[in-house]
Amino acid sequence: QVQLVESGGGLVQAGGSLSLSCAASTRTFSTYRMGWFRQAAGKEREFVAAISQSGGTTWYADSVKGRFTISRDNTENSLSLQMNSLKPEDTAVYSCAVQISYRHSVYNAQQYDFWGQGTQVTVSS
């Protein structure tokens, strides 16, 4: 089992920036693909970004491409999401997730095995 703990959420004005972190309690962090998802109130969970085991490959939702950057530090067992040019529609609970074995897709939340508790991001207009 992998425990994930997010931090870094908060309230920011539109156009501002926030950085989210996800700490993983596993010694094999570098062998897992990782992802960020978000869920706005009354909406379904949606894919935000994902990163390969080495960090050499990243995937982004079209809605955040060019504004958000996912990264990882395998020496610290941590995952990050830098969010710039935030918009009110980015308001949601953001969660990190891990795929502990190979999955066909990084975009499908059903293909992730463990999740963090989430952190609230609120962007005011």
Foldseek 3Di string as FASTA:
>chain_A
DKAKAKDWADEEAAQAKTKMKIAIDDLVLLQKKKFKWWDAPPGDIWGAKIAHSNRPDMDGDPVQPPFKDWGADSVRRMIMIIGGRDDQVVWTWMKMFIQPDDDPDPGDPVRTDDIYPTDTHGYHD
